[in-house]
Amino acid sequence: MFYQYVSKNKAKITLILFILLVTGIAVMRYLDSFLTTEMVPNGIVSFELAKESSVSAAMIGSWDIQAKAAAGISLGFDYLFMLFYASFLAMLVLRVNERLLSGPAGKRWNKLLISAPFIAAFFDMIENVALIRLLLGDLQQTWSLMAFYAATIKFTILFIVIVYILFGGVILIFKRKNQV
């Protein structure tokens, strides 16, 4: 039943997910504006990729109370944002795959590619747990490493998914032009 609803309303669902994603990006960017310092040039991304606990501690130390609150709110909001980006990317993958992949092998790839954004979100959750622990003062090296590796895996998966969507979109454009 759910799949039938999605199949009939792909354009509407994609638009709603896009609006949620853009709104989520705006919120994340706003919160990130409090986190950017000389020590943290790329805001929360710098914090995510701080592999050493001493670097994580220095970053947290460079934030005032307002920035620390913004970091905590950002990490909490990120759990909702994960749902937005994973759902939107999965919908785009679904829409590309419907036109590009067919047969049993295509169905297997379809399942893998559609699940990839949610796998990235899972690593985002692991990363957030580690970052929250750091933010709360548990500055063990384990948390910095966990955040770093989870973020690296997340960004790698998202990069692959986005490249797939872009290349798939280009292929579909050329296919459409050749049919006309």
N, C-alpha and C. Protein backbone atom coordinates (compact mmCIF):
# COMPACT_ATOMS: atom_id res chain seq x y z
N MET A 1 0.82 -1.18 0.00
CA MET A 1 0.00 0.00 0.00
C MET A 1 0.87 1.26 0.00
N PHE A 2 1.90 1.27 0.87
CA PHE A 2 2.79 2.43 0.93
C PHE A 2 3.50 2.62 -0.40
N TYR A 3 4.00 1.50 -0.96
CA TYR A 3 4.72 1.60 -2.23
C TYR A 3 3.80 2.12 -3.33
N GLN A 4 2.53 1.70 -3.34
CA GLN A 4 1.58 2.19 -4.34
C GLN A 4 1.38 3.70 -4.19
N TYR A 5 1.28 4.16 -2.94
CA TYR A 5 1.11 5.60 -2.70
C TYR A 5 2.33 6.37 -3.20
N VAL A 6 3.51 5.86 -2.89
CA VAL A 6 4.75 6.52 -3.34
C VAL A 6 4.81 6.51 -4.85
N SER A 7 4.47 5.38 -5.47
CA SER A 7 4.52 5.28 -6.93
C SER A 7 3.61 6.29 -7.61
N LYS A 8 2.45 6.54 -7.04
CA LYS A 8 1.49 7.46 -7.65
C LYS A 8 1.82 8.92 -7.36
N ASN A 9 2.59 9.19 -6.33
CA ASN A 9 2.82 10.56 -5.88
C ASN A 9 4.30 10.94 -5.81
N LYS A 10 5.11 10.36 -6.68
CA LYS A 10 6.56 10.61 -6.63
C LYS A 10 6.92 12.08 -6.74
N ALA A 11 6.29 12.78 -7.65
CA ALA A 11 6.62 14.19 -7.86
C ALA A 11 6.30 15.01 -6.61
N LYS A 12 5.13 14.79 -6.03
CA LYS A 12 4.73 15.53 -4.82
C LYS A 12 5.66 15.20 -3.65
N ILE A 13 5.93 13.92 -3.47
CA ILE A 13 6.79 13.50 -2.36
C ILE A 13 8.19 14.06 -2.54
N THR A 14 8.70 14.02 -3.77
CA THR A 14 10.03 14.57 -4.03
C THR A 14 10.07 16.06 -3.71
N LEU A 15 9.05 16.79 -4.11
CA LEU A 15 8.98 18.23 -3.83
C LEU A 15 8.93 18.49 -2.32
N ILE A 16 8.10 17.75 -1.62
CA ILE A 16 8.00 17.93 -0.16
C ILE A 16 9.34 17.62 0.51
N LEU A 17 9.98 16.53 0.09
CA LEU A 17 11.28 16.18 0.66
C LEU A 17 12.33 17.23 0.33
N PHE A 18 12.26 17.80 -0.87
CA PHE A 18 13.19 18.85 -1.26
C PHE A 18 13.00 20.08 -0.37
N ILE A 19 11.75 20.46 -0.13
CA ILE A 19 11.46 21.62 0.73
C ILE A 19 11.95 21.36 2.15
N LEU A 20 11.71 20.15 2.66
CA LEU A 20 12.20 19.80 3.99
C LEU A 20 13.72 19.83 4.04
N LEU A 21 14.36 19.33 2.99
CA LEU A 21 15.82 19.33 2.93
C LEU A 21 16.37 20.74 2.92
N VAL A 22 15.83 21.60 2.08
CA VAL A 22 16.31 22.99 2.00
C VAL A 22 16.08 23.71 3.33
N THR A 23 14.93 23.48 3.95
CA THR A 23 14.66 24.07 5.26
C THR A 23 15.66 23.56 6.29
N GLY A 24 15.91 22.27 6.27
CA GLY A 24 16.89 21.67 7.17
C GLY A 24 18.28 22.23 6.96
N ILE A 25 18.66 22.41 5.70
CA ILE A 25 19.98 22.99 5.40
C ILE A 25 20.06 24.41 5.96
N ALA A 26 18.99 25.18 5.80
CA ALA A 26 18.98 26.56 6.31
C ALA A 26 19.15 26.56 7.83
N VAL A 27 18.46 25.68 8.53
CA VAL A 27 18.59 25.60 9.99
C VAL A 27 20.01 25.20 10.37
N MET A 28 20.54 24.18 9.69
CA MET A 28 21.90 23.71 10.00
C MET A 28 22.93 24.80 9.73
N ARG A 29 22.76 25.53 8.64
CA ARG A 29 23.70 26.62 8.31
C ARG A 29 23.63 27.72 9.36
N TYR A 30 22.41 28.05 9.81
CA TYR A 30 22.25 29.07 10.85
C TYR A 30 22.98 28.64 12.12
N LEU A 31 22.74 27.42 12.57
CA LEU A 31 23.40 26.93 13.78
C LEU A 31 24.91 26.85 13.59
N ASP A 32 25.33 26.49 12.39
CA ASP A 32 26.75 26.38 12.09
C ASP A 32 27.44 27.74 12.14
N SER A 33 26.70 28.81 11.89
CA SER A 33 27.31 30.15 11.91
C SER A 33 27.86 30.49 13.29
N PHE A 34 27.33 29.89 14.35
CA PHE A 34 27.84 30.12 15.70
C PHE A 34 29.13 29.34 15.97
N LEU A 35 29.38 28.32 15.17
CA LEU A 35 30.48 27.40 15.44
C LEU A 35 31.77 27.75 14.71
N THR A 36 31.69 28.61 13.72
CA THR A 36 32.85 28.93 12.91
C THR A 36 33.76 29.90 13.66
N THR A 37 34.97 29.43 13.93
CA THR A 37 36.00 30.24 14.58
C THR A 37 37.30 30.01 13.82
N GLU A 38 38.36 30.67 14.27
CA GLU A 38 39.67 30.44 13.65
C GLU A 38 40.09 28.98 13.84
N MET A 39 39.74 28.43 14.99
CA MET A 39 40.08 27.03 15.30
C MET A 39 39.14 26.05 14.58
N VAL A 40 37.94 26.51 14.25
CA VAL A 40 36.91 25.66 13.64
C VAL A 40 36.45 26.32 12.34
N PRO A 41 37.32 26.35 11.31
CA PRO A 41 37.01 27.13 10.11
C PRO A 41 35.79 26.64 9.32
N ASN A 42 35.49 25.37 9.39
CA ASN A 42 34.35 24.82 8.64
C ASN A 42 33.21 24.39 9.56
N GLY A 43 33.11 25.02 10.71
CA GLY A 43 32.02 24.75 11.62
C GLY A 43 31.95 23.30 12.05
N ILE A 44 30.75 22.76 12.05
CA ILE A 44 30.51 21.41 12.56
C ILE A 44 31.30 20.36 11.77
N VAL A 45 31.54 20.61 10.48
CA VAL A 45 32.31 19.65 9.67
C VAL A 45 33.74 19.54 10.19
N SER A 46 34.32 20.66 10.58
CA SER A 46 35.66 20.62 11.18
C SER A 46 35.64 19.77 12.45
N PHE A 47 34.61 19.95 13.26
CA PHE A 47 34.47 19.18 14.51
C PHE A 47 34.30 17.69 14.20
N GLU A 48 33.50 17.37 13.19
CA GLU A 48 33.27 15.97 12.81
C GLU A 48 34.57 15.29 12.38
N LEU A 49 35.43 16.05 11.72
CA LEU A 49 36.64 15.46 11.14
C LEU A 49 37.89 15.69 11.98
N ALA A 50 37.72 16.16 13.21
CA ALA A 50 38.85 16.31 14.13
C ALA A 50 39.21 14.92 14.65
N LYS A 51 40.28 14.38 14.15
CA LYS A 51 40.64 13.00 14.45
C LYS A 51 41.26 12.84 15.84
N GLU A 52 41.83 13.90 16.35
CA GLU A 52 42.53 13.86 17.64
C GLU A 52 41.68 14.51 18.73
N SER A 53 41.66 13.90 19.90
CA SER A 53 40.88 14.46 21.01
C SER A 53 41.40 15.83 21.43
N SER A 54 42.71 16.05 21.28
CA SER A 54 43.26 17.37 21.63
C SER A 54 42.72 18.45 20.69
N VAL A 55 42.53 18.11 19.44
CA VAL A 55 41.96 19.05 18.47
C VAL A 55 40.48 19.28 18.79
N SER A 56 39.76 18.20 19.10
CA SER A 56 38.35 18.34 19.48
C SER A 56 38.22 19.24 20.71
N ALA A 57 39.08 19.03 21.70
CA ALA A 57 39.04 19.83 22.93
C ALA A 57 39.33 21.30 22.62
N ALA A 58 40.31 21.55 21.75
CA ALA A 58 40.65 22.93 21.38
C ALA A 58 39.47 23.59 20.66
N MET A 59 38.80 22.84 19.80
CA MET A 59 37.64 23.38 19.09
C MET A 59 36.53 23.75 20.08
N ILE A 60 36.22 22.83 20.97
CA ILE A 60 35.18 23.09 21.97
C ILE A 60 35.60 24.29 22.84
N GLY A 61 36.87 24.35 23.17
CA GLY A 61 37.39 25.46 23.97
C GLY A 61 37.30 26.81 23.27
N SER A 62 37.27 26.79 21.94
CA SER A 62 37.20 28.05 21.18
C SER A 62 35.77 28.58 21.11
N TRP A 63 34.80 27.78 21.53
CA TRP A 63 33.40 28.19 21.48
C TRP A 63 32.97 28.83 22.79
N ASP A 64 32.18 29.88 22.68
CA ASP A 64 31.57 30.46 23.88
C ASP A 64 30.32 29.64 24.24
N ILE A 65 29.63 30.03 25.28
CA ILE A 65 28.47 29.28 25.75
C ILE A 65 27.38 29.19 24.68
N GLN A 66 27.21 30.27 23.92
CA GLN A 66 26.19 30.30 22.87
C GLN A 66 26.55 29.31 21.75
N ALA A 67 27.83 29.27 21.39
CA ALA A 67 28.28 28.34 20.35
C ALA A 67 28.13 26.89 20.80
N LYS A 68 28.45 26.63 22.07
CA LYS A 68 28.29 25.26 22.58
C LYS A 68 26.81 24.85 22.57
N ALA A 69 25.93 25.78 22.92
CA ALA A 69 24.50 25.49 22.85
C ALA A 69 24.07 25.23 21.41
N ALA A 70 24.58 26.05 20.48
CA ALA A 70 24.26 25.86 19.05
C ALA A 70 24.77 24.52 18.56
N ALA A 71 25.95 24.10 19.03
CA ALA A 71 26.49 22.80 18.63
C ALA A 71 25.58 21.68 19.12
N GLY A 72 25.13 21.77 20.36
CA GLY A 72 24.23 20.75 20.90
C GLY A 72 22.90 20.71 20.16
N ILE A 73 22.34 21.89 19.89
CA ILE A 73 21.08 21.94 19.15
C ILE A 73 21.28 21.39 17.74
N SER A 74 22.39 21.73 17.13
CA SER A 74 22.70 21.25 15.78
C SER A 74 22.79 19.73 15.75
N LEU A 75 23.47 19.16 16.74
CA LEU A 75 23.60 17.70 16.79
C LEU A 75 22.24 17.03 17.03
N GLY A 76 21.40 17.66 17.82
CA GLY A 76 20.05 17.12 18.03
C GLY A 76 19.19 17.24 16.78
N PHE A 77 19.22 18.42 16.16
CA PHE A 77 18.43 18.64 14.94
C PHE A 77 18.92 17.73 13.80
N ASP A 78 20.20 17.39 13.84
CA ASP A 78 20.76 16.55 12.78
C ASP A 78 20.05 15.21 12.67
N TYR A 79 19.51 14.71 13.78
CA TYR A 79 18.77 13.44 13.71
C TYR A 79 17.53 13.58 12.82
N LEU A 80 16.87 14.71 12.89
CA LEU A 80 15.73 14.97 12.00
C LEU A 80 16.23 15.22 10.57
N PHE A 81 17.32 15.97 10.46
CA PHE A 81 17.90 16.28 9.15
C PHE A 81 18.32 15.01 8.41
N MET A 82 18.81 14.01 9.15
CA MET A 82 19.19 12.73 8.53
C MET A 82 18.00 12.12 7.79
N LEU A 83 16.85 12.19 8.41
CA LEU A 83 15.64 11.67 7.78
C LEU A 83 15.33 12.42 6.50
N PHE A 84 15.51 13.74 6.52
CA PHE A 84 15.26 14.56 5.33
C PHE A 84 16.21 14.19 4.19
N TYR A 85 17.54 14.22 4.47
CA TYR A 85 18.48 13.98 3.37
C TYR A 85 18.44 12.54 2.88
N ALA A 86 18.30 11.59 3.80
CA ALA A 86 18.27 10.19 3.37
C ALA A 86 17.03 9.90 2.53
N SER A 87 15.89 10.41 2.95
CA SER A 87 14.64 10.18 2.20
C SER A 87 14.68 10.86 0.84
N PHE A 88 15.17 12.10 0.79
CA PHE A 88 15.25 12.82 -0.48
C PHE A 88 16.18 12.11 -1.45
N LEU A 89 17.38 11.75 -0.99
CA LEU A 89 18.32 11.07 -1.87
C LEU A 89 17.79 9.70 -2.31
N ALA A 90 17.16 8.97 -1.40
CA ALA A 90 16.59 7.67 -1.77
C ALA A 90 15.50 7.85 -2.82
N MET A 91 14.70 8.90 -2.69
CA MET A 91 13.65 9.16 -3.70
C MET A 91 14.28 9.47 -5.05
N LEU A 92 15.34 10.26 -5.07
CA LEU A 92 16.01 10.55 -6.34
C LEU A 92 16.62 9.29 -6.94
N VAL A 93 17.22 8.46 -6.11
CA VAL A 93 17.77 7.19 -6.59
C VAL A 93 16.65 6.33 -7.18
N LEU A 94 15.53 6.25 -6.48
CA LEU A 94 14.37 5.49 -6.99
C LEU A 94 13.94 5.99 -8.35
N ARG A 95 13.86 7.30 -8.49
CA ARG A 95 13.39 7.87 -9.76
C ARG A 95 14.38 7.63 -10.89
N VAL A 96 15.66 7.69 -10.59
CA VAL A 96 16.68 7.40 -11.61
C VAL A 96 16.66 5.91 -11.95
N ASN A 97 16.61 5.07 -10.91
CA ASN A 97 16.66 3.63 -11.13
C ASN A 97 15.49 3.09 -11.93
N GLU A 98 14.32 3.67 -11.75
CA GLU A 98 13.14 3.20 -12.49
C GLU A 98 13.36 3.27 -13.99
N ARG A 99 14.15 4.22 -14.41
CA ARG A 99 14.38 4.41 -15.84
C ARG A 99 15.67 3.74 -16.33
N LEU A 100 16.59 3.46 -15.40
CA LEU A 100 17.89 2.91 -15.82
C LEU A 100 18.05 1.42 -15.56
N LEU A 101 17.50 0.94 -14.45
CA LEU A 101 17.75 -0.45 -14.05
C LEU A 101 16.52 -1.30 -14.27
N SER A 102 16.74 -2.49 -14.81
CA SER A 102 15.63 -3.43 -14.99
C SER A 102 16.16 -4.85 -14.82
N GLY A 103 15.26 -5.79 -14.69
CA GLY A 103 15.64 -7.19 -14.52
C GLY A 103 16.06 -7.48 -13.09
N PRO A 104 16.39 -8.76 -12.81
CA PRO A 104 16.76 -9.16 -11.44
C PRO A 104 18.01 -8.44 -10.91
N ALA A 105 19.01 -8.30 -11.77
CA ALA A 105 20.23 -7.60 -11.33
C ALA A 105 19.92 -6.14 -11.02
N GLY A 106 19.08 -5.54 -11.82
CA GLY A 106 18.68 -4.15 -11.59
C GLY A 106 17.94 -3.98 -10.28
N LYS A 107 17.10 -4.96 -9.94
CA LYS A 107 16.36 -4.89 -8.68
C LYS A 107 17.29 -4.98 -7.48
N ARG A 108 18.33 -5.82 -7.59
CA ARG A 108 19.29 -5.92 -6.49
C ARG A 108 20.04 -4.61 -6.32
N TRP A 109 20.51 -4.03 -7.42
CA TRP A 109 21.20 -2.73 -7.36
C TRP A 109 20.27 -1.65 -6.84
N ASN A 110 19.03 -1.71 -7.26
CA ASN A 110 18.04 -0.73 -6.82
C ASN A 110 17.92 -0.73 -5.29
N LYS A 111 17.80 -1.93 -4.70
CA LYS A 111 17.69 -2.03 -3.24
C LYS A 111 18.93 -1.50 -2.55
N LEU A 112 20.09 -1.85 -3.07
CA LEU A 112 21.34 -1.39 -2.47
C LEU A 112 21.46 0.13 -2.57
N LEU A 113 21.20 0.67 -3.75
CA LEU A 113 21.36 2.11 -3.95
C LEU A 113 20.33 2.93 -3.17
N ILE A 114 19.12 2.42 -3.06
CA ILE A 114 18.09 3.14 -2.30
C ILE A 114 18.41 3.10 -0.80
N SER A 115 19.00 2.02 -0.34
CA SER A 115 19.33 1.92 1.09
C SER A 115 20.59 2.71 1.45
N ALA A 116 21.43 3.02 0.49
CA ALA A 116 22.70 3.70 0.77
C ALA A 116 22.55 5.01 1.55
N PRO A 117 21.62 5.91 1.20
CA PRO A 117 21.50 7.14 2.01
C PRO A 117 21.12 6.85 3.47
N PHE A 118 20.36 5.80 3.70
CA PHE A 118 19.97 5.45 5.07
C PHE A 118 21.14 4.82 5.82
N ILE A 119 22.00 4.11 5.09
CA ILE A 119 23.23 3.59 5.70
C ILE A 119 24.13 4.76 6.09
N ALA A 120 24.21 5.77 5.22
CA ALA A 120 24.98 6.98 5.55
C ALA A 120 24.40 7.65 6.79
N ALA A 121 23.09 7.72 6.89
CA ALA A 121 22.44 8.33 8.06
C ALA A 121 22.75 7.53 9.33
N PHE A 122 22.86 6.21 9.21
CA PHE A 122 23.24 5.38 10.36
C PHE A 122 24.63 5.78 10.86
N PHE A 123 25.57 5.97 9.94
CA PHE A 123 26.91 6.41 10.35
C PHE A 123 26.88 7.83 10.90
N ASP A 124 25.98 8.64 10.39
CA ASP A 124 25.78 9.99 10.92
C ASP A 124 25.32 9.92 12.38
N MET A 125 24.46 8.96 12.69
CA MET A 125 24.01 8.77 14.08
C MET A 125 25.17 8.40 15.00
N ILE A 126 25.99 7.47 14.53
CA ILE A 126 27.17 7.06 15.32
C ILE A 126 28.07 8.27 15.54
N GLU A 127 28.31 9.01 14.49
CA GLU A 127 29.13 10.22 14.58
C GLU A 127 28.56 11.19 15.60
N ASN A 128 27.25 11.41 15.56
CA ASN A 128 26.62 12.35 16.49
C ASN A 128 26.74 11.91 17.94
N VAL A 129 26.60 10.63 18.20
CA VAL A 129 26.78 10.13 19.57
C VAL A 129 28.18 10.49 20.06
N ALA A 130 29.17 10.25 19.23
CA ALA A 130 30.55 10.56 19.61
C ALA A 130 30.74 12.06 19.82
N LEU A 131 30.18 12.87 18.93
CA LEU A 131 30.33 14.33 19.06
C LEU A 131 29.61 14.85 20.31
N ILE A 132 28.46 14.29 20.62
CA ILE A 132 27.74 14.69 21.83
C ILE A 132 28.56 14.34 23.07
N ARG A 133 29.17 13.16 23.06
CA ARG A 133 30.03 12.78 24.19
C ARG A 133 31.18 13.78 24.35
N LEU A 134 31.79 14.15 23.24
CA LEU A 134 32.88 15.14 23.30
C LEU A 134 32.36 16.47 23.82
N LEU A 135 31.25 16.91 23.30
CA LEU A 135 30.67 18.20 23.69
C LEU A 135 30.32 18.22 25.18
N LEU A 136 29.94 17.08 25.71
CA LEU A 136 29.59 16.99 27.13
C LEU A 136 30.82 16.83 28.03
N GLY A 137 32.01 16.86 27.42
CA GLY A 137 33.24 16.86 28.22
C GLY A 137 33.97 15.54 28.32
N ASP A 138 33.48 14.50 27.68
CA ASP A 138 34.17 13.20 27.69
C ASP A 138 35.15 13.20 26.52
N LEU A 139 36.34 13.74 26.76
CA LEU A 139 37.29 14.01 25.68
C LEU A 139 38.25 12.84 25.42
N GLN A 140 37.76 11.64 25.47
CA GLN A 140 38.58 10.47 25.16
C GLN A 140 38.87 10.41 23.66
N GLN A 141 40.03 9.90 23.34
CA GLN A 141 40.44 9.75 21.94
C GLN A 141 39.44 8.89 21.17
N THR A 142 38.85 7.92 21.85
CA THR A 142 37.89 7.01 21.21
C THR A 142 36.77 7.78 20.52
N TRP A 143 36.24 8.81 21.19
CA TRP A 143 35.11 9.56 20.63
C TRP A 143 35.52 10.36 19.40
N SER A 144 36.71 10.96 19.45
CA SER A 144 37.18 11.71 18.27
C SER A 144 37.38 10.78 17.09
N LEU A 145 37.99 9.62 17.35
CA LEU A 145 38.19 8.65 16.26
C LEU A 145 36.87 8.12 15.73
N MET A 146 35.94 7.82 16.63
CA MET A 146 34.64 7.31 16.21
C MET A 146 33.93 8.34 15.33
N ALA A 147 33.95 9.60 15.76
CA ALA A 147 33.31 10.66 14.97
C ALA A 147 33.99 10.79 13.62
N PHE A 148 35.32 10.78 13.61
CA PHE A 148 36.08 10.94 12.37
C PHE A 148 35.75 9.82 11.37
N TYR A 149 35.86 8.57 11.82
CA TYR A 149 35.65 7.46 10.89
C TYR A 149 34.18 7.34 10.46
N ALA A 150 33.26 7.58 11.37
CA ALA A 150 31.84 7.54 10.99
C ALA A 150 31.53 8.65 9.99
N ALA A 151 32.08 9.85 10.22
CA ALA A 151 31.86 10.97 9.29
C ALA A 151 32.48 10.67 7.93
N THR A 152 33.67 10.08 7.93
CA THR A 152 34.34 9.75 6.67
C THR A 152 33.52 8.74 5.87
N ILE A 153 33.02 7.72 6.54
CA ILE A 153 32.18 6.72 5.86
C ILE A 153 30.90 7.38 5.35
N LYS A 154 30.27 8.19 6.19
CA LYS A 154 29.03 8.89 5.81
C LYS A 154 29.26 9.74 4.56
N PHE A 155 30.29 10.59 4.60
CA PHE A 155 30.55 11.47 3.46
C PHE A 155 30.89 10.68 2.20
N THR A 156 31.61 9.58 2.34
CA THR A 156 31.95 8.75 1.19
C THR A 156 30.69 8.15 0.56
N ILE A 157 29.82 7.60 1.38
CA ILE A 157 28.57 7.02 0.87
C ILE A 157 27.72 8.10 0.20
N LEU A 158 27.59 9.25 0.85
CA LEU A 158 26.78 10.33 0.27
C LEU A 158 27.38 10.83 -1.04
N PHE A 159 28.70 10.90 -1.11
CA PHE A 159 29.36 11.32 -2.35
C PHE A 159 29.03 10.34 -3.47
N ILE A 160 29.14 9.05 -3.19
CA ILE A 160 28.84 8.03 -4.20
C ILE A 160 27.39 8.13 -4.66
N VAL A 161 26.47 8.29 -3.72
CA VAL A 161 25.04 8.39 -4.05
C VAL A 161 24.78 9.62 -4.91
N ILE A 162 25.34 10.75 -4.53
CA ILE A 162 25.11 11.99 -5.28
C ILE A 162 25.71 11.90 -6.68
N VAL A 163 26.91 11.33 -6.79
CA VAL A 163 27.52 11.14 -8.11
C VAL A 163 26.64 10.21 -8.96
N TYR A 164 26.14 9.13 -8.35
CA TYR A 164 25.25 8.22 -9.07
C TYR A 164 24.01 8.95 -9.59
N ILE A 165 23.40 9.76 -8.73
CA ILE A 165 22.20 10.50 -9.13
C ILE A 165 22.52 11.46 -10.27
N LEU A 166 23.64 12.17 -10.15
CA LEU A 166 24.02 13.14 -11.20
C LEU A 166 24.31 12.44 -12.52
N PHE A 167 25.12 11.37 -12.48
CA PHE A 167 25.41 10.64 -13.72
C PHE A 167 24.15 10.00 -14.29
N GLY A 168 23.33 9.42 -13.41
CA GLY A 168 22.06 8.84 -13.87
C GLY A 168 21.17 9.88 -14.51
N GLY A 169 21.11 11.06 -13.92
CA GLY A 169 20.32 12.15 -14.49
C GLY A 169 20.83 12.57 -15.86
N VAL A 170 22.15 12.65 -16.00
CA VAL A 170 22.74 13.02 -17.30
C VAL A 170 22.42 11.94 -18.33
N ILE A 171 22.56 10.68 -17.96
CA ILE A 171 22.25 9.58 -18.88
C ILE A 171 20.78 9.66 -19.31
N LEU A 172 19.89 9.92 -18.37
CA LEU A 172 18.46 10.02 -18.71
C LEU A 172 18.18 11.19 -19.63
N ILE A 173 18.88 12.30 -19.44
CA ILE A 173 18.71 13.46 -20.34
C ILE A 173 19.13 13.08 -21.75
N PHE A 174 20.28 12.40 -21.88
CA PHE A 174 20.74 11.99 -23.21
C PHE A 174 19.81 10.95 -23.83
N LYS A 175 19.30 10.04 -23.03
CA LYS A 175 18.34 9.05 -23.55
C LYS A 175 17.09 9.75 -24.07
N ARG A 176 16.61 10.72 -23.32
CA ARG A 176 15.40 11.45 -23.71
C ARG A 176 15.64 12.22 -25.01
N LYS A 177 16.81 12.84 -25.14
CA LYS A 177 17.13 13.59 -26.36
C LYS A 177 17.22 12.67 -27.57
N ASN A 178 17.76 11.47 -27.36
CA ASN A 178 17.89 10.51 -28.46
C ASN A 178 16.54 9.94 -28.89
N GLN A 179 15.56 9.94 -27.98
CA GLN A 179 14.23 9.42 -28.32
C GLN A 179 13.41 10.44 -29.09
N VAL A 180 13.76 11.71 -28.98
CA VAL A 180 12.98 12.77 -29.63
C VAL A 180 13.32 12.89 -31.07
